[in-house]
Amino acid sequence: MAGRGSVLFCRRHIGIPVERAPGEWVHSVATPHELLSLLARIYKVELEERDGAGDCRHRSLWRR
């Protein structure tokens, strides 16, 4: 089964996830909480975030 990409967790990588080849992403082990954002970007979906009061807001996936 073919997927949209692969994510490699690297302890030497510092910073935001980087697409080093088409569909091949390098992600820092220091920021696992950012994995959902990366997957949303790969699959081109919008994330919905909830604040402490239960209100929703949409998060932009294409920050650069």
PDB file of N, CA and C in Angstrom:
ATOM      1  N   MET A   1       0.845  -1.173   0.000  1.00  0.00           N
ATOM      2  CA  MET A   1       0.000   0.000   0.000  1.00  0.00           C
ATOM      3  C   MET A   1       0.895   1.243   0.000  1.00  0.00           C
ATOM      4  N   ALA A   2       0.649   2.127  -0.909  1.00  0.00           N
ATOM      5  CA  ALA A   2       1.426   3.363  -0.997  1.00  0.00           C
ATOM      6  C   ALA A   2       0.785   4.437  -0.127  1.00  0.00           C
ATOM      7  N   GLY A   3       1.626   5.214   0.524  1.00  0.00           N
ATOM      8  CA  GLY A   3       1.139   6.303   1.364  1.00  0.00           C
ATOM      9  C   GLY A   3       1.527   7.647   0.774  1.00  0.00           C
ATOM     10  N   ARG A   4       1.168   8.680   1.475  1.00  0.00           N
ATOM     11  CA  ARG A   4       1.504  10.036   1.030  1.00  0.00           C
ATOM     12  C   ARG A   4       2.915  10.422   1.418  1.00  0.00           C
ATOM     13  N   GLY A   5       3.501   9.723   2.364  1.00  0.00           N
ATOM     14  CA  GLY A   5       4.847  10.083   2.785  1.00  0.00           C
ATOM     15  C   GLY A   5       5.277   9.300   3.999  1.00  0.00           C
ATOM     16  N   SER A   6       6.484   9.583   4.424  1.00  0.00           N
ATOM     17  CA  SER A   6       6.999   8.954   5.634  1.00  0.00           C
ATOM     18  C   SER A   6       7.620  10.029   6.512  1.00  0.00           C
ATOM     19  N   VAL A   7       7.573   9.788   7.818  1.00  0.00           N
ATOM     20  CA  VAL A   7       8.130  10.725   8.783  1.00  0.00           C
ATOM     21  C   VAL A   7       9.228  10.001   9.544  1.00  0.00           C
ATOM     22  N   LEU A   8      10.427  10.542   9.476  1.00  0.00           N
ATOM     23  CA  LEU A   8      11.581   9.990  10.178  1.00  0.00           C
ATOM     24  C   LEU A   8      11.852  10.871  11.386  1.00  0.00           C
ATOM     25  N   PHE A   9      11.836  10.282  12.584  1.00  0.00           N
ATOM     26  CA  PHE A   9      12.168  11.036  13.788  1.00  0.00           C
ATOM     27  C   PHE A   9      13.673  10.971  13.989  1.00  0.00           C
ATOM     28  N   CYS A  10      14.292  12.140  14.123  1.00  0.00           N
ATOM     29  CA  CYS A  10      15.749  12.218  14.215  1.00  0.00           C
ATOM     30  C   CYS A  10      16.143  13.046  15.432  1.00  0.00           C
ATOM     31  N   ARG A  11      16.991  12.487  16.285  1.00  0.00           N
ATOM     32  CA  ARG A  11      17.414  13.229  17.474  1.00  0.00           C
ATOM     33  C   ARG A  11      18.396  14.334  17.130  1.00  0.00           C
ATOM     34  N   ARG A  12      18.998  14.289  15.958  1.00  0.00           N
ATOM     35  CA  ARG A  12      19.946  15.330  15.541  1.00  0.00           C
ATOM     36  C   ARG A  12      19.265  16.515  14.865  1.00  0.00           C
ATOM     37  N   HIS A  13      18.047  16.306  14.396  1.00  0.00           N
ATOM     38  CA  HIS A  13      17.324  17.391  13.721  1.00  0.00           C
ATOM     39  C   HIS A  13      16.759  18.346  14.759  1.00  0.00           C
ATOM     40  N   ILE A  14      17.023  19.632  14.565  1.00  0.00           N
ATOM     41  CA  ILE A  14      16.497  20.670  15.452  1.00  0.00           C
ATOM     42  C   ILE A  14      15.689  21.632  14.594  1.00  0.00           C
ATOM     43  N   GLY A  15      14.492  21.928  15.031  1.00  0.00           N
ATOM     44  CA  GLY A  15      13.677  22.892  14.296  1.00  0.00           C
ATOM     45  C   GLY A  15      12.409  22.267  13.753  1.00  0.00           C
ATOM     46  N   ILE A  16      11.816  22.982  12.798  1.00  0.00           N
ATOM     47  CA  ILE A  16      10.557  22.535  12.222  1.00  0.00           C
ATOM     48  C   ILE A  16      10.783  21.325  11.319  1.00  0.00           C
ATOM     49  N   PRO A  17       9.741  20.529  11.080  1.00  0.00           N
ATOM     50  CA  PRO A  17       9.884  19.396  10.163  1.00  0.00           C
ATOM     51  C   PRO A  17      10.323  19.863   8.777  1.00  0.00           C
ATOM     52  N   VAL A  18      11.174  19.062   8.144  1.00  0.00           N
ATOM     53  CA  VAL A  18      11.720  19.405   6.835  1.00  0.00           C
ATOM     54  C   VAL A  18      11.430  18.271   5.863  1.00  0.00           C
ATOM     55  N   GLU A  19      10.961  18.621   4.674  1.00  0.00           N
ATOM     56  CA  GLU A  19      10.743  17.627   3.627  1.00  0.00           C
ATOM     57  C   GLU A  19      12.048  17.523   2.835  1.00  0.00           C
ATOM     58  N   ARG A  20      12.850  16.485   3.133  1.00  0.00           N
ATOM     59  CA  ARG A  20      14.170  16.379   2.501  1.00  0.00           C
ATOM     60  C   ARG A  20      14.114  15.756   1.116  1.00  0.00           C
ATOM     61  N   ALA A  21      13.039  15.102   0.796  1.00  0.00           N
ATOM     62  CA  ALA A  21      12.759  14.559  -0.537  1.00  0.00           C
ATOM     63  C   ALA A  21      11.235  14.508  -0.638  1.00  0.00           C
ATOM     64  N   PRO A  22      10.682  14.430  -1.843  1.00  0.00           N
ATOM     65  CA  PRO A  22       9.222  14.386  -1.960  1.00  0.00           C
ATOM     66  C   PRO A  22       8.611  13.262  -1.113  1.00  0.00           C
ATOM     67  N   GLY A  23       7.765  13.649  -0.162  1.00  0.00           N
ATOM     68  CA  GLY A  23       7.095  12.676   0.690  1.00  0.00           C
ATOM     69  C   GLY A  23       7.939  12.119   1.819  1.00  0.00           C
ATOM     70  N   GLU A  24       9.143  12.643   2.027  1.00  0.00           N
ATOM     71  CA  GLU A  24      10.040  12.143   3.077  1.00  0.00           C
ATOM     72  C   GLU A  24      10.356  13.272   4.050  1.00  0.00           C
ATOM     73  N   TRP A  25       9.782  13.196   5.234  1.00  0.00           N
ATOM     74  CA  TRP A  25       9.899  14.263   6.218  1.00  0.00           C
ATOM     75  C   TRP A  25      10.809  13.863   7.361  1.00  0.00           C
ATOM     76  N   VAL A  26      11.620  14.808   7.849  1.00  0.00           N
ATOM     77  CA  VAL A  26      12.462  14.619   9.032  1.00  0.00           C
ATOM     78  C   VAL A  26      11.856  15.476  10.138  1.00  0.00           C
ATOM     79  N   HIS A  27      11.628  14.851  11.288  1.00  0.00           N
ATOM     80  CA  HIS A  27      10.948  15.504  12.408  1.00  0.00           C
ATOM     81  C   HIS A  27      11.821  15.377  13.647  1.00  0.00           C
ATOM     82  N   SER A  28      11.858  16.414  14.460  1.00  0.00           N
ATOM     83  CA  SER A  28      12.639  16.405  15.693  1.00  0.00           C
ATOM     84  C   SER A  28      11.952  15.563  16.765  1.00  0.00           C
ATOM     85  N   VAL A  29      12.736  14.823  17.539  1.00  0.00           N
ATOM     86  CA  VAL A  29      12.156  14.064  18.652  1.00  0.00           C
ATOM     87  C   VAL A  29      11.787  14.994  19.807  1.00  0.00           C
ATOM     88  N   ALA A  30      12.272  16.227  19.763  1.00  0.00           N
ATOM     89  CA  ALA A  30      11.987  17.196  20.821  1.00  0.00           C
ATOM     90  C   ALA A  30      10.594  17.813  20.693  1.00  0.00           C
ATOM     91  N   THR A  31       9.942  17.634  19.546  1.00  0.00           N
ATOM     92  CA  THR A  31       8.631  18.260  19.339  1.00  0.00           C
ATOM     93  C   THR A  31       7.579  17.266  18.844  1.00  0.00           C
ATOM     94  N   PRO A  32       7.367  16.165  19.576  1.00  0.00           N
ATOM     95  CA  PRO A  32       6.364  15.192  19.112  1.00  0.00           C
ATOM     96  C   PRO A  32       4.953  15.779  19.084  1.00  0.00           C
ATOM     97  N   HIS A  33       4.702  16.822  19.873  1.00  0.00           N
ATOM     98  CA  HIS A  33       3.377  17.458  19.891  1.00  0.00           C
ATOM     99  C   HIS A  33       3.052  18.132  18.561  1.00  0.00           C
ATOM    100  N   GLU A  34       4.037  18.353  17.707  1.00  0.00           N
ATOM    101  CA  GLU A  34       3.809  18.967  16.395  1.00  0.00           C
ATOM    102  C   GLU A  34       3.507  17.937  15.302  1.00  0.00           C
ATOM    103  N   LEU A  35       3.505  16.659  15.644  1.00  0.00           N
ATOM    104  CA  LEU A  35       3.274  15.610  14.649  1.00  0.00           C
ATOM    105  C   LEU A  35       1.898  15.730  13.991  1.00  0.00           C
ATOM    106  N   LEU A  36       0.867  16.038  14.770  1.00  0.00           N
ATOM    107  CA  LEU A  36      -0.472  16.171  14.179  1.00  0.00           C
ATOM    108  C   LEU A  36      -0.512  17.278  13.134  1.00  0.00           C
ATOM    109  N   SER A  37       0.174  18.372  13.393  1.00  0.00           N
ATOM    110  CA  SER A  37       0.226  19.463  12.410  1.00  0.00           C
ATOM    111  C   SER A  37       0.901  19.010  11.127  1.00  0.00           C
ATOM    112  N   LEU A  38       1.983  18.244  11.265  1.00  0.00           N
ATOM    113  CA  LEU A  38       2.685  17.753  10.080  1.00  0.00           C
ATOM    114  C   LEU A  38       1.811  16.776   9.300  1.00  0.00           C
ATOM    115  N   LEU A  39       1.154  15.863   9.990  1.00  0.00           N
ATOM    116  CA  LEU A  39       0.278  14.909   9.298  1.00  0.00           C
ATOM    117  C   LEU A  39      -0.873  15.634   8.602  1.00  0.00           C
ATOM    118  N   ALA A  40      -1.414  16.659   9.245  1.00  0.00           N
ATOM    119  CA  ALA A  40      -2.479  17.446   8.616  1.00  0.00           C
ATOM    120  C   ALA A  40      -1.959  18.128   7.361  1.00  0.00           C
ATOM    121  N   ARG A  41      -0.741  18.596   7.417  1.00  0.00           N
ATOM    122  CA  ARG A  41      -0.144  19.238   6.236  1.00  0.00           C
ATOM    123  C   ARG A  41       0.062  18.225   5.117  1.00  0.00           C
ATOM    124  N   ILE A  42       0.573  17.042   5.460  1.00  0.00           N
ATOM    125  CA  ILE A  42       0.803  15.996   4.461  1.00  0.00           C
ATOM    126  C   ILE A  42      -0.517  15.580   3.810  1.00  0.00           C
ATOM    127  N   TYR A  43      -1.551  15.378   4.625  1.00  0.00           N
ATOM    128  CA  TYR A  43      -2.843  14.914   4.111  1.00  0.00           C
ATOM    129  C   TYR A  43      -3.769  16.051   3.688  1.00  0.00           C
ATOM    130  N   LYS A  44      -3.282  17.286   3.803  1.00  0.00           N
ATOM    131  CA  LYS A  44      -4.031  18.471   3.360  1.00  0.00           C
ATOM    132  C   LYS A  44      -5.412  18.569   4.008  1.00  0.00           C
ATOM    133  N   VAL A  45      -5.418  18.465   5.333  1.00  0.00           N
ATOM    134  CA  VAL A  45      -6.650  18.655   6.093  1.00  0.00           C
ATOM    135  C   VAL A  45      -6.436  19.808   7.070  1.00  0.00           C
ATOM    136  N   GLU A  46      -7.534  20.368   7.562  1.00  0.00           N
ATOM    137  CA  GLU A  46      -7.453  21.451   8.531  1.00  0.00           C
ATOM    138  C   GLU A  46      -7.589  20.879   9.922  1.00  0.00           C
ATOM    139  N   LEU A  47      -6.769  21.361  10.840  1.00  0.00           N
ATOM    140  CA  LEU A  47      -6.868  20.950  12.235  1.00  0.00           C
ATOM    141  C   LEU A  47      -7.844  21.861  12.956  1.00  0.00           C
ATOM    142  N   GLU A  48      -8.548  21.285  13.890  1.00  0.00           N
ATOM    143  CA  GLU A  48      -9.446  22.056  14.730  1.00  0.00           C
ATOM    144  C   GLU A  48      -8.848  22.043  16.123  1.00  0.00           C
ATOM    145  N   GLU A  49      -8.616  23.205  16.697  1.00  0.00           N
ATOM    146  CA  GLU A  49      -8.056  23.296  18.041  1.00  0.00           C
ATOM    147  C   GLU A  49      -9.127  23.764  19.001  1.00  0.00           C
ATOM    148  N   ARG A  50      -9.066  23.258  20.208  1.00  0.00           N
ATOM    149  CA  ARG A  50     -10.016  23.682  21.238  1.00  0.00           C
ATOM    150  C   ARG A  50      -9.240  24.387  22.341  1.00  0.00           C
ATOM    151  N   ASP A  51      -9.808  25.497  22.797  1.00  0.00           N
ATOM    152  CA  ASP A  51      -9.178  26.171  23.926  1.00  0.00           C
ATOM    153  C   ASP A  51      -9.773  25.609  25.217  1.00  0.00           C
ATOM    154  N   GLY A  52      -9.364  26.127  26.336  1.00  0.00           N
ATOM    155  CA  GLY A  52      -9.837  25.621  27.622  1.00  0.00           C
ATOM    156  C   GLY A  52     -11.333  25.770  27.824  1.00  0.00           C
ATOM    157  N   ALA A  53     -11.962  26.714  27.135  1.00  0.00           N
ATOM    158  CA  ALA A  53     -13.399  26.955  27.286  1.00  0.00           C
ATOM    159  C   ALA A  53     -14.232  26.088  26.353  1.00  0.00           C
ATOM    160  N   GLY A  54     -13.583  25.265  25.535  1.00  0.00           N
ATOM    161  CA  GLY A  54     -14.308  24.398  24.618  1.00  0.00           C
ATOM    162  C   GLY A  54     -14.599  25.022  23.271  1.00  0.00           C
ATOM    163  N   ASP A  55     -14.152  26.260  23.073  1.00  0.00           N
ATOM    164  CA  ASP A  55     -14.362  26.919  21.783  1.00  0.00           C
ATOM    165  C   ASP A  55     -13.382  26.374  20.747  1.00  0.00           C
ATOM    166  N   CYS A  56     -13.850  26.269  19.511  1.00  0.00           N
ATOM    167  CA  CYS A  56     -13.021  25.747  18.420  1.00  0.00           C
ATOM    168  C   CYS A  56     -12.467  26.878  17.577  1.00  0.00           C
ATOM    169  N   ARG A  57     -11.303  26.630  17.017  1.00  0.00           N
ATOM    170  CA  ARG A  57     -10.771  27.524  15.993  1.00  0.00           C
ATOM    171  C   ARG A  57      -9.973  26.667  15.034  1.00  0.00           C
ATOM    172  N   HIS A  58      -9.914  27.102  13.797  1.00  0.00           N
ATOM    173  CA  HIS A  58      -9.171  26.361  12.788  1.00  0.00           C
ATOM    174  C   HIS A  58      -7.750  26.871  12.738  1.00  0.00           C
ATOM    175  N   ARG A  59      -6.825  25.957  12.534  1.00  0.00           N
ATOM    176  CA  ARG A  59      -5.411  26.302  12.496  1.00  0.00           C
ATOM    177  C   ARG A  59      -4.931  26.271  11.057  1.00  0.00           C
ATOM    178  N   SER A  60      -4.241  27.297  10.665  1.00  0.00           N
ATOM    179  CA  SER A  60      -3.681  27.347   9.316  1.00  0.00           C
ATOM    180  C   SER A  60      -2.547  26.340   9.202  1.00  0.00           C
ATOM    181  N   LEU A  61      -2.544  25.566   8.123  1.00  0.00           N
ATOM    182  CA  LEU A  61      -1.529  24.530   7.945  1.00  0.00           C
ATOM    183  C   LEU A  61      -0.341  25.006   7.145  1.00  0.00           C
ATOM    184  N   TRP A  62      -0.434  26.146   6.545  1.00  0.00           N
ATOM    185  CA  TRP A  62       0.607  26.546   5.596  1.00  0.00           C
ATOM    186  C   TRP A  62       1.410  27.733   6.105  1.00  0.00           C
ATOM    187  N   ARG A  63       1.761  27.704   7.392  1.00  0.00           N
ATOM    188  CA  ARG A  63       2.614  28.754   7.950  1.00  0.00           C
ATOM    189  C   ARG A  63       4.000  28.628   7.343  1.00  0.00           C
ATOM    190  N   ARG A  64       4.550  29.734   6.902  1.00  0.00           N
ATOM    191  CA  ARG A  64       5.916  29.718   6.351  1.00  0.00           C
ATOM    192  C   ARG A  64       6.630  30.971   6.734  1.00  0.00           C
TER     193      ARG A  64
END
